[in-house]
C-alpha cells in the first residue's frame, strides 16, 4: 500500500489530494471537481497499523 500526494493535471484546477491504496488504483484516480486525471507528486510505502482499506481512500488536502 502507498500513501500519495496528488494534484489535478488541469493547471487551472489547482486542487491537491492525498490518498492511500495500491499503485494501480492511485494511478487511475480523477479529480472530484473537474474529472481530469490526478498525478502523483510524492509517494511512500504506508503501513496503516496493518489495516488494509476496503478500497482506495482519497481526500482533498487542506490549503496551506
PDB file of N, CA and C in Angstrom:
ATOM      1  N   UNK A   1       0.843  -1.170   0.000  1.00  0.00           N
ATOM      2  CA  UNK A   1       0.000   0.000   0.000  1.00  0.00           C
ATOM      3  C   UNK A   1       0.889   1.233   0.000  1.00  0.00           C
ATOM      4  N   UNK A   2       0.412   2.278  -0.704  1.00  0.00           N
ATOM      5  CA  UNK A   2       1.140   3.537  -0.765  1.00  0.00           C
ATOM      6  C   UNK A   2       0.304   4.667  -0.176  1.00  0.00           C
ATOM      7  N   UNK A   3       0.998   5.656   0.344  1.00  0.00           N
ATOM      8  CA  UNK A   3       0.398   6.946   0.673  1.00  0.00           C
ATOM      9  C   UNK A   3       0.924   7.883  -0.400  1.00  0.00           C
ATOM     10  N   UNK A   4       0.039   8.670  -1.026  1.00  0.00           N
ATOM     11  CA  UNK A   4       0.475   9.549  -2.103  1.00  0.00           C
ATOM     12  C   UNK A   4      -0.121  10.940  -1.962  1.00  0.00           C
ATOM     13  N   UNK A   5       0.648  11.923  -2.385  1.00  0.00           N
ATOM     14  CA  UNK A   5       0.167  13.291  -2.530  1.00  0.00           C
ATOM     15  C   UNK A   5      -0.015  13.488  -4.029  1.00  0.00           C
ATOM     16  N   UNK A   6      -1.211  13.926  -4.410  1.00  0.00           N
ATOM     17  CA  UNK A   6      -1.549  14.058  -5.819  1.00  0.00           C
ATOM     18  C   UNK A   6      -2.077  15.453  -6.109  1.00  0.00           C
ATOM     19  N   UNK A   7      -2.016  15.836  -7.385  1.00  0.00           N
ATOM     20  CA  UNK A   7      -2.623  17.095  -7.799  1.00  0.00           C
ATOM     21  C   UNK A   7      -3.344  16.859  -9.112  1.00  0.00           C
ATOM     22  N   UNK A   8      -4.298  17.724  -9.386  1.00  0.00           N
ATOM     23  CA  UNK A   8      -5.052  17.639 -10.625  1.00  0.00           C
ATOM     24  C   UNK A   8      -4.128  17.978 -11.794  1.00  0.00           C
ATOM     25  N   UNK A   9      -4.289  17.269 -12.895  1.00  0.00           N
ATOM     26  CA  UNK A   9      -3.465  17.526 -14.072  1.00  0.00           C
ATOM     27  C   UNK A   9      -3.928  18.763 -14.837  1.00  0.00           C
ATOM     28  N   UNK A  10      -5.086  19.306 -14.484  1.00  0.00           N
ATOM     29  CA  UNK A  10      -5.595  20.528 -15.086  1.00  0.00           C
ATOM     30  C   UNK A  10      -4.950  21.714 -14.360  1.00  0.00           C
ATOM     31  N   UNK A  11      -4.120  22.476 -15.040  1.00  0.00           N
ATOM     32  CA  UNK A  11      -3.394  23.589 -14.414  1.00  0.00           C
ATOM     33  C   UNK A  11      -4.332  24.645 -13.837  1.00  0.00           C
ATOM     34  N   UNK A  12      -5.543  24.748 -14.361  1.00  0.00           N
ATOM     35  CA  UNK A  12      -6.497  25.739 -13.864  1.00  0.00           C
ATOM     36  C   UNK A  12      -7.207  25.279 -12.591  1.00  0.00           C
ATOM     37  N   UNK A  13      -7.146  24.012 -12.273  1.00  0.00           N
ATOM     38  CA  UNK A  13      -7.891  23.449 -11.144  1.00  0.00           C
ATOM     39  C   UNK A  13      -7.198  23.719  -9.804  1.00  0.00           C
ATOM     40  N   UNK A  14      -5.910  23.465  -9.716  1.00  0.00           N
ATOM     41  CA  UNK A  14      -5.101  23.728  -8.526  1.00  0.00           C
ATOM     42  C   UNK A  14      -5.597  23.050  -7.247  1.00  0.00           C
ATOM     43  N   UNK A  15      -6.173  21.875  -7.357  1.00  0.00           N
ATOM     44  CA  UNK A  15      -6.618  21.128  -6.183  1.00  0.00           C
ATOM     45  C   UNK A  15      -5.632  19.994  -5.928  1.00  0.00           C
ATOM     46  N   UNK A  16      -5.286  19.790  -4.670  1.00  0.00           N
ATOM     47  CA  UNK A  16      -4.394  18.689  -4.323  1.00  0.00           C
ATOM     48  C   UNK A  16      -5.127  17.714  -3.410  1.00  0.00           C
ATOM     49  N   UNK A  17      -4.659  16.487  -3.438  1.00  0.00           N
ATOM     50  CA  UNK A  17      -5.292  15.397  -2.701  1.00  0.00           C
ATOM     51  C   UNK A  17      -4.221  14.576  -2.005  1.00  0.00           C
ATOM     52  N   UNK A  18      -4.677  13.742  -1.070  1.00  0.00           N
ATOM     53  CA  UNK A  18      -3.840  12.685  -0.528  1.00  0.00           C
ATOM     54  C   UNK A  18      -4.663  11.413  -0.602  1.00  0.00           C
ATOM     55  N   UNK A  19      -3.969  10.297  -0.803  1.00  0.00           N
ATOM     56  CA  UNK A  19      -4.673   9.036  -0.991  1.00  0.00           C
ATOM     57  C   UNK A  19      -3.846   7.885  -0.454  1.00  0.00           C
ATOM     58  N   UNK A  20      -4.549   6.802  -0.132  1.00  0.00           N
ATOM     59  CA  UNK A  20      -3.933   5.555   0.288  1.00  0.00           C
ATOM     60  C   UNK A  20      -4.492   4.469  -0.603  1.00  0.00           C
ATOM     61  N   UNK A  21      -3.631   3.595  -1.090  1.00  0.00           N
ATOM     62  CA  UNK A  21      -4.119   2.493  -1.914  1.00  0.00           C
ATOM     63  C   UNK A  21      -2.989   1.804  -2.646  1.00  0.00           C
ATOM     64  N   UNK A  22      -3.379   0.883  -3.488  1.00  0.00           N
ATOM     65  CA  UNK A  22      -2.407   0.153  -4.298  1.00  0.00           C
ATOM     66  C   UNK A  22      -1.990   1.033  -5.482  1.00  0.00           C
ATOM     67  N   UNK A  23      -0.763   0.877  -5.972  1.00  0.00           N
ATOM     68  CA  UNK A  23      -0.254   1.754  -7.036  1.00  0.00           C
ATOM     69  C   UNK A  23      -1.179   1.871  -8.251  1.00  0.00           C
ATOM     70  N   UNK A  24      -1.685   0.778  -8.756  1.00  0.00           N
ATOM     71  CA  UNK A  24      -2.544   0.827  -9.949  1.00  0.00           C
ATOM     72  C   UNK A  24      -3.822   1.620  -9.679  1.00  0.00           C
ATOM     73  N   UNK A  25      -4.371   1.497  -8.486  1.00  0.00           N
ATOM     74  CA  UNK A  25      -5.594   2.232  -8.137  1.00  0.00           C
ATOM     75  C   UNK A  25      -5.312   3.726  -8.018  1.00  0.00           C
ATOM     76  N   UNK A  26      -4.157   4.088  -7.466  1.00  0.00           N
ATOM     77  CA  UNK A  26      -3.810   5.503  -7.326  1.00  0.00           C
ATOM     78  C   UNK A  26      -3.610   6.161  -8.687  1.00  0.00           C
ATOM     79  N   UNK A  27      -3.060   5.424  -9.639  1.00  0.00           N
ATOM     80  CA  UNK A  27      -2.826   5.967 -10.972  1.00  0.00           C
ATOM     81  C   UNK A  27      -4.122   6.208 -11.735  1.00  0.00           C
ATOM     82  N   UNK A  28      -5.219   5.577 -11.320  1.00  0.00           N
ATOM     83  CA  UNK A  28      -6.495   5.695 -12.024  1.00  0.00           C
ATOM     84  C   UNK A  28      -7.411   6.767 -11.429  1.00  0.00           C
ATOM     85  N   UNK A  29      -6.973   7.471 -10.382  1.00  0.00           N
ATOM     86  CA  UNK A  29      -7.834   8.446  -9.722  1.00  0.00           C
ATOM     87  C   UNK A  29      -8.046   9.693 -10.571  1.00  0.00           C
ATOM     88  N   UNK A  30      -9.247  10.285 -10.411  1.00  0.00           N
ATOM     89  CA  UNK A  30      -9.599  11.505 -11.127  1.00  0.00           C
ATOM     90  C   UNK A  30      -9.994  12.585 -10.137  1.00  0.00           C
ATOM     91  N   UNK A  31      -9.852  13.834 -10.552  1.00  0.00           N
ATOM     92  CA  UNK A  31     -10.213  14.981  -9.727  1.00  0.00           C
ATOM     93  C   UNK A  31     -11.725  14.999  -9.495  1.00  0.00           C
ATOM     94  N   UNK A  32     -12.126  15.201  -8.273  1.00  0.00           N
ATOM     95  CA  UNK A  32     -13.547  15.243  -7.931  1.00  0.00           C
ATOM     96  C   UNK A  32     -14.213  16.502  -8.467  1.00  0.00           C
ATOM     97  N   UNK A  33     -13.445  17.551  -8.730  1.00  0.00           N
ATOM     98  CA  UNK A  33     -14.001  18.822  -9.208  1.00  0.00           C
ATOM     99  C   UNK A  33     -14.170  18.864 -10.718  1.00  0.00           C
ATOM    100  N   UNK A  34     -13.142  18.429 -11.467  1.00  0.00           N
ATOM    101  CA  UNK A  34     -13.200  18.591 -12.920  1.00  0.00           C
ATOM    102  C   UNK A  34     -13.122  17.281 -13.699  1.00  0.00           C
ATOM    103  N   UNK A  35     -12.821  16.158 -13.022  1.00  0.00           N
ATOM    104  CA  UNK A  35     -12.789  14.859 -13.690  1.00  0.00           C
ATOM    105  C   UNK A  35     -11.502  14.532 -14.431  1.00  0.00           C
ATOM    106  N   UNK A  36     -10.527  15.423 -14.402  1.00  0.00           N
ATOM    107  CA  UNK A  36      -9.246  15.165 -15.067  1.00  0.00           C
ATOM    108  C   UNK A  36      -8.415  14.197 -14.223  1.00  0.00           C
ATOM    109  N   UNK A  37      -7.473  13.500 -14.846  1.00  0.00           N
ATOM    110  CA  UNK A  37      -6.621  12.563 -14.098  1.00  0.00           C
ATOM    111  C   UNK A  37      -5.777  13.292 -13.054  1.00  0.00           C
ATOM    112  N   UNK A  38      -5.484  12.597 -11.965  1.00  0.00           N
ATOM    113  CA  UNK A  38      -4.585  13.122 -10.948  1.00  0.00           C
ATOM    114  C   UNK A  38      -3.184  12.606 -11.227  1.00  0.00           C
ATOM    115  N   UNK A  39      -2.182  13.398 -10.861  1.00  0.00           N
ATOM    116  CA  UNK A  39      -0.801  12.946 -10.997  1.00  0.00           C
ATOM    117  C   UNK A  39      -0.155  12.945  -9.624  1.00  0.00           C
ATOM    118  N   UNK A  40       0.693  11.934  -9.420  1.00  0.00           N
ATOM    119  CA  UNK A  40       1.372  11.796  -8.138  1.00  0.00           C
ATOM    120  C   UNK A  40       2.545  12.750  -8.062  1.00  0.00           C
ATOM    121  N   UNK A  41       2.598  13.517  -6.980  1.00  0.00           N
ATOM    122  CA  UNK A  41       3.736  14.396  -6.726  1.00  0.00           C
ATOM    123  C   UNK A  41       4.764  13.701  -5.851  1.00  0.00           C
ATOM    124  N   UNK A  42       4.277  12.890  -4.917  1.00  0.00           N
ATOM    125  CA  UNK A  42       5.156  12.163  -3.999  1.00  0.00           C
ATOM    126  C   UNK A  42       4.404  10.958  -3.465  1.00  0.00           C
ATOM    127  N   UNK A  43       5.136   9.926  -3.103  1.00  0.00           N
ATOM    128  CA  UNK A  43       4.505   8.751  -2.510  1.00  0.00           C
ATOM    129  C   UNK A  43       5.498   8.045  -1.609  1.00  0.00           C
ATOM    130  N   UNK A  44       4.953   7.238  -0.709  1.00  0.00           N
ATOM    131  CA  UNK A  44       5.768   6.454   0.212  1.00  0.00           C
ATOM    132  C   UNK A  44       5.013   5.190   0.582  1.00  0.00           C
ATOM    133  N   UNK A  45       5.758   4.168   0.941  1.00  0.00           N
ATOM    134  CA  UNK A  45       5.108   2.973   1.464  1.00  0.00           C
ATOM    135  C   UNK A  45       4.374   3.350   2.739  1.00  0.00           C
ATOM    136  N   UNK A  46       3.194   2.810   2.920  1.00  0.00           N
ATOM    137  CA  UNK A  46       2.388   3.174   4.078  1.00  0.00           C
ATOM    138  C   UNK A  46       1.889   1.925   4.779  1.00  0.00           C
ATOM    139  N   UNK A  47       2.061   1.910   6.064  1.00  0.00           N
ATOM    140  CA  UNK A  47       1.504   0.857   6.893  1.00  0.00           C
ATOM    141  C   UNK A  47       0.527   1.527   7.830  1.00  0.00           C
ATOM    142  N   UNK A  48      -0.728   1.250   7.657  1.00  0.00           N
ATOM    143  CA  UNK A  48      -1.753   1.877   8.486  1.00  0.00           C
ATOM    144  C   UNK A  48      -2.137   0.917   9.602  1.00  0.00           C
ATOM    145  N   UNK A  49      -1.157   0.596  10.434  1.00  0.00           N
ATOM    146  CA  UNK A  49      -1.344  -0.312  11.569  1.00  0.00           C
ATOM    147  C   UNK A  49      -1.883  -1.663  11.127  1.00  0.00           C
ATOM    148  N   UNK A  50      -1.442  -2.111   9.953  1.00  0.00           N
ATOM    149  CA  UNK A  50      -1.844  -3.414   9.453  1.00  0.00           C
ATOM    150  C   UNK A  50      -3.263  -3.466   8.921  1.00  0.00           C
ATOM    151  N   UNK A  51      -3.940  -2.333   8.852  1.00  0.00           N
ATOM    152  CA  UNK A  51      -5.319  -2.300   8.370  1.00  0.00           C
ATOM    153  C   UNK A  51      -5.308  -1.921   6.896  1.00  0.00           C
ATOM    154  N   UNK A  52      -5.832  -2.783   6.079  1.00  0.00           N
ATOM    155  CA  UNK A  52      -5.922  -2.521   4.648  1.00  0.00           C
ATOM    156  C   UNK A  52      -7.311  -1.961   4.369  1.00  0.00           C
ATOM    157  N   UNK A  53      -7.397  -0.773   3.764  1.00  0.00           N
ATOM    158  CA  UNK A  53      -8.717  -0.219   3.477  1.00  0.00           C
ATOM    159  C   UNK A  53      -9.463  -1.086   2.477  1.00  0.00           C
ATOM    160  N   UNK A  54     -10.799  -1.122   2.553  1.00  0.00           N
ATOM    161  CA  UNK A  54     -11.575  -1.935   1.629  1.00  0.00           C
ATOM    162  C   UNK A  54     -11.457  -1.448   0.189  1.00  0.00           C
ATOM    163  N   UNK A  55     -11.137  -0.179   0.008  1.00  0.00           N
ATOM    164  CA  UNK A  55     -10.917   0.388  -1.318  1.00  0.00           C
ATOM    165  C   UNK A  55      -9.950   1.555  -1.178  1.00  0.00           C
ATOM    166  N   UNK A  56      -9.602   2.150  -2.282  1.00  0.00           N
ATOM    167  CA  UNK A  56      -8.698   3.289  -2.252  1.00  0.00           C
ATOM    168  C   UNK A  56      -9.374   4.463  -1.551  1.00  0.00           C
ATOM    169  N   UNK A  57      -8.636   5.138  -0.689  1.00  0.00           N
ATOM    170  CA  UNK A  57      -9.145   6.315   0.015  1.00  0.00           C
ATOM    171  C   UNK A  57      -8.540   7.555  -0.600  1.00  0.00           C
ATOM    172  N   UNK A  58      -9.380   8.547  -0.897  1.00  0.00           N
ATOM    173  CA  UNK A  58      -8.941   9.806  -1.480  1.00  0.00           C
ATOM    174  C   UNK A  58      -9.598  10.939  -0.724  1.00  0.00           C
ATOM    175  N   UNK A  59      -8.799  11.931  -0.358  1.00  0.00           N
ATOM    176  CA  UNK A  59      -9.369  13.113   0.304  1.00  0.00           C
ATOM    177  C   UNK A  59      -8.619  14.352  -0.137  1.00  0.00           C
ATOM    178  N   UNK A  60      -9.356  15.451  -0.201  1.00  0.00           N
ATOM    179  CA  UNK A  60      -8.754  16.714  -0.599  1.00  0.00           C
ATOM    180  C   UNK A  60      -7.877  17.222   0.526  1.00  0.00           C
ATOM    181  N   UNK A  61      -6.709  17.757   0.161  1.00  0.00           N
ATOM    182  CA  UNK A  61      -5.790  18.316   1.157  1.00  0.00           C
ATOM    183  C   UNK A  61      -6.224  19.713   1.523  1.00  0.00           C
ATOM    184  N   UNK A  62      -5.985  20.085   2.765  1.00  0.00           N
ATOM    185  CA  UNK A  62      -6.259  21.441   3.211  1.00  0.00           C
ATOM    186  C   UNK A  62      -5.281  22.401   2.553  1.00  0.00           C
ATOM    187  N   UNK A  63      -5.758  23.569   2.201  1.00  0.00           N
ATOM    188  CA  UNK A  63      -4.886  24.583   1.613  1.00  0.00           C
ATOM    189  C   UNK A  63      -3.894  25.078   2.648  1.00  0.00           C
ATOM    190  N   UNK A  64      -2.664  25.272   2.208  1.00  0.00           N
ATOM    191  CA  UNK A  64      -1.625  25.727   3.146  1.00  0.00           C
ATOM    192  C   UNK A  64      -1.652  27.218   3.297  1.00  0.00           C
TER     193      UNK A  64
END
